[in-house]
Amino acid sequence: MRIGHVIVPAADLEAQLAFYGSLGLTTRFRDGDRYAALTDGATTIGLADASQQPVPGRVLLSIEVDDLDAHLARLPAGEPVTGPHERRAVVTDPGGNPVVLYERLP
């Protein structure tokens, strides 16, 4: 078994492709303005308009980044929180979906 992808609602596919691309994800596939698949090489995120969402709703993603502060300098976010294993902050993509960006602690 393997996880195929996580579906994320996308009302504005172009804006969300730009957002996830800025985090380092690569577009693998695009079906017009209905759907796009992005990957980090191991996991796939599907950006889907209303017609492509099997279950309408919101999804929370957690994305590991190498330099949290660099991303937070470019994106509006709450204050970073330091946990026992990571620093993290919540940002919101252009579709209004919360995304947790985290950086592992050494």
C-alpha atoms as a PDB file:
ATOM      1  CA  MET A   1       0.000   0.000   0.000  1.00  0.00           C
ATOM      2  CA  ARG A   2       1.109   3.563  -0.596  1.00  0.00           C
ATOM      3  CA  ILE A   3      -0.484   6.958  -0.269  1.00  0.00           C
ATOM      4  CA  GLY A   4      -1.407   8.223  -3.694  1.00  0.00           C
ATOM      5  CA  HIS A   5      -1.980  11.902  -2.917  1.00  0.00           C
ATOM      6  CA  VAL A   6      -3.694  14.356  -0.619  1.00  0.00           C
ATOM      7  CA  ILE A   7      -6.463  16.402  -2.211  1.00  0.00           C
ATOM      8  CA  VAL A   8      -6.549  20.094  -1.425  1.00  0.00           C
ATOM      9  CA  PRO A   9      -9.464  22.332  -2.480  1.00  0.00           C
ATOM     10  CA  ALA A  10      -8.326  24.869  -5.097  1.00  0.00           C
ATOM     11  CA  ALA A  11     -10.642  27.692  -6.146  1.00  0.00           C
ATOM     12  CA  ASP A  12      -7.722  29.538  -7.854  1.00  0.00           C
ATOM     13  CA  LEU A  13      -5.438  26.869  -9.299  1.00  0.00           C
ATOM     14  CA  GLU A  14      -2.863  29.345 -10.671  1.00  0.00           C
ATOM     15  CA  ALA A  15      -2.371  31.054  -7.308  1.00  0.00           C
ATOM     16  CA  GLN A  16      -2.108  27.765  -5.447  1.00  0.00           C
ATOM     17  CA  LEU A  17       0.344  26.315  -7.984  1.00  0.00           C
ATOM     18  CA  ALA A  18       2.524  29.406  -7.465  1.00  0.00           C
ATOM     19  CA  PHE A  19       2.276  29.059  -3.659  1.00  0.00           C
ATOM     20  CA  TYR A  20       3.241  25.370  -3.512  1.00  0.00           C
ATOM     21  CA  GLY A  21       5.876  25.883  -6.217  1.00  0.00           C
ATOM     22  CA  SER A  22       7.474  28.566  -4.034  1.00  0.00           C
ATOM     23  CA  LEU A  23       7.849  25.927  -1.312  1.00  0.00           C
ATOM     24  CA  GLY A  24       9.849  23.744  -3.705  1.00  0.00           C
ATOM     25  CA  LEU A  25       7.169  21.342  -4.963  1.00  0.00           C
ATOM     26  CA  THR A  26       7.216  20.338  -8.640  1.00  0.00           C
ATOM     27  CA  THR A  27       4.126  20.128 -10.854  1.00  0.00           C
ATOM     28  CA  ARG A  28       3.785  16.549 -12.146  1.00  0.00           C
ATOM     29  CA  PHE A  29       0.481  16.812 -13.989  1.00  0.00           C
ATOM     30  CA  ARG A  30      -2.137  19.414 -14.803  1.00  0.00           C
ATOM     31  CA  ASP A  31      -5.668  19.041 -16.143  1.00  0.00           C
ATOM     32  CA  GLY A  32      -6.645  22.571 -17.156  1.00  0.00           C
ATOM     33  CA  ASP A  33      -8.038  24.593 -14.274  1.00  0.00           C
ATOM     34  CA  ARG A  34      -9.654  21.525 -12.669  1.00  0.00           C
ATOM     35  CA  TYR A  35      -6.710  19.679 -11.137  1.00  0.00           C
ATOM     36  CA  ALA A  36      -2.936  19.693 -10.733  1.00  0.00           C
ATOM     37  CA  ALA A  37      -0.621  17.216  -9.006  1.00  0.00           C
ATOM     38  CA  LEU A  38       2.525  18.465  -7.245  1.00  0.00           C
ATOM     39  CA  THR A  39       5.264  16.434  -5.606  1.00  0.00           C
ATOM     40  CA  ASP A  40       8.369  16.655  -3.467  1.00  0.00           C
ATOM     41  CA  GLY A  41       9.531  13.396  -5.059  1.00  0.00           C
ATOM     42  CA  ALA A  42       7.874  11.144  -2.463  1.00  0.00           C
ATOM     43  CA  THR A  43       4.431  12.561  -1.719  1.00  0.00           C
ATOM     44  CA  THR A  44       1.844  13.978  -4.112  1.00  0.00           C
ATOM     45  CA  ILE A  45      -0.622  16.760  -3.391  1.00  0.00           C
ATOM     46  CA  GLY A  46      -3.608  17.121  -5.697  1.00  0.00           C
ATOM     47  CA  LEU A  47      -5.010  20.625  -6.086  1.00  0.00           C
ATOM     48  CA  ALA A  48      -8.644  20.174  -7.077  1.00  0.00           C
ATOM     49  CA  ASP A  49     -11.511  22.456  -7.987  1.00  0.00           C
ATOM     50  CA  ALA A  50     -15.009  21.640  -6.707  1.00  0.00           C
ATOM     51  CA  SER A  51     -15.678  19.186  -9.547  1.00  0.00           C
ATOM     52  CA  GLN A  52     -12.618  17.103  -8.606  1.00  0.00           C
ATOM     53  CA  GLN A  53     -13.143  16.897  -4.826  1.00  0.00           C
ATOM     54  CA  PRO A  54     -14.509  13.461  -3.858  1.00  0.00           C
ATOM     55  CA  VAL A  55     -15.469  14.864  -0.439  1.00  0.00           C
ATOM     56  CA  PRO A  56     -15.860  18.635  -0.240  1.00  0.00           C
ATOM     57  CA  GLY A  57     -13.975  20.240   2.622  1.00  0.00           C
ATOM     58  CA  ARG A  58     -10.685  21.464   3.983  1.00  0.00           C
ATOM     59  CA  VAL A  59      -7.384  19.684   4.341  1.00  0.00           C
ATOM     60  CA  LEU A  60      -4.470  20.521   6.610  1.00  0.00           C
ATOM     61  CA  LEU A  61      -1.061  19.789   5.179  1.00  0.00           C
ATOM     62  CA  SER A  62       2.235  19.614   7.013  1.00  0.00           C
ATOM     63  CA  ILE A  63       5.279  20.402   4.880  1.00  0.00           C
ATOM     64  CA  GLU A  64       8.878  20.063   6.060  1.00  0.00           C
ATOM     65  CA  VAL A  65      11.155  22.911   4.960  1.00  0.00           C
ATOM     66  CA  ASP A  66      14.925  23.374   5.312  1.00  0.00           C
ATOM     67  CA  ASP A  67      14.751  26.990   6.472  1.00  0.00           C
ATOM     68  CA  LEU A  68      11.514  27.983   8.211  1.00  0.00           C
ATOM     69  CA  ASP A  69      12.612  31.573   8.745  1.00  0.00           C
ATOM     70  CA  ALA A  70      13.263  32.073   5.024  1.00  0.00           C
ATOM     71  CA  HIS A  71       9.707  30.991   4.182  1.00  0.00           C
ATOM     72  CA  LEU A  72       8.190  33.046   6.994  1.00  0.00           C
ATOM     73  CA  ALA A  73       9.999  36.137   5.684  1.00  0.00           C
ATOM     74  CA  ARG A  74       7.967  35.794   2.458  1.00  0.00           C
ATOM     75  CA  LEU A  75       4.646  34.460   3.742  1.00  0.00           C
ATOM     76  CA  PRO A  76       2.193  35.851   6.276  1.00  0.00           C
ATOM     77  CA  ALA A  77       2.131  33.505   9.257  1.00  0.00           C
ATOM     78  CA  GLY A  78       1.543  33.288  12.947  1.00  0.00           C
ATOM     79  CA  GLU A  79       4.479  33.251  15.329  1.00  0.00           C
ATOM     80  CA  PRO A  80       6.597  30.099  15.064  1.00  0.00           C
ATOM     81  CA  VAL A  81       6.104  27.553  17.837  1.00  0.00           C
ATOM     82  CA  THR A  82       8.992  25.395  19.038  1.00  0.00           C
ATOM     83  CA  GLY A  83       8.127  21.854  20.025  1.00  0.00           C
ATOM     84  CA  PRO A  84      10.355  19.033  21.167  1.00  0.00           C
ATOM     85  CA  HIS A  85      11.309  17.978  17.616  1.00  0.00           C
ATOM     86  CA  GLU A  86      10.510  20.903  15.331  1.00  0.00           C
ATOM     87  CA  ARG A  87       9.774  24.587  14.863  1.00  0.00           C
ATOM     88  CA  ARG A  88       6.514  25.207  13.071  1.00  0.00           C
ATOM     89  CA  ALA A  89       4.165  27.942  11.910  1.00  0.00           C
ATOM     90  CA  VAL A  90       0.795  27.985  10.221  1.00  0.00           C
ATOM     91  CA  VAL A  91       0.430  29.808   6.904  1.00  0.00           C
ATOM     92  CA  THR A  92      -2.629  29.988   4.693  1.00  0.00           C
ATOM     93  CA  ASP A  93      -2.555  29.213   0.993  1.00  0.00           C
ATOM     94  CA  PRO A  94      -4.448  31.421  -1.503  1.00  0.00           C
ATOM     95  CA  GLY A  95      -7.498  29.132  -1.235  1.00  0.00           C
ATOM     96  CA  GLY A  96      -7.759  29.714   2.532  1.00  0.00           C
ATOM     97  CA  ASN A  97      -6.378  26.298   3.495  1.00  0.00           C
ATOM     98  CA  PRO A  98      -4.146  26.173   6.579  1.00  0.00           C
ATOM     99  CA  VAL A  99      -0.684  24.714   5.975  1.00  0.00           C
ATOM    100  CA  VAL A 100       1.819  23.841   8.687  1.00  0.00           C
ATOM    101  CA  LEU A 101       5.420  24.589   7.699  1.00  0.00           C
ATOM    102  CA  TYR A 102       7.955  22.926   9.957  1.00  0.00           C
ATOM    103  CA  GLU A 103      11.694  22.656  10.346  1.00  0.00           C
ATOM    104  CA  ARG A 104      13.258  19.774  12.267  1.00  0.00           C
ATOM    105  CA  LEU A 105      15.385  20.713  15.237  1.00  0.00           C
ATOM    106  CA  PRO A 106      19.032  19.540  15.169  1.00  0.00           C
END
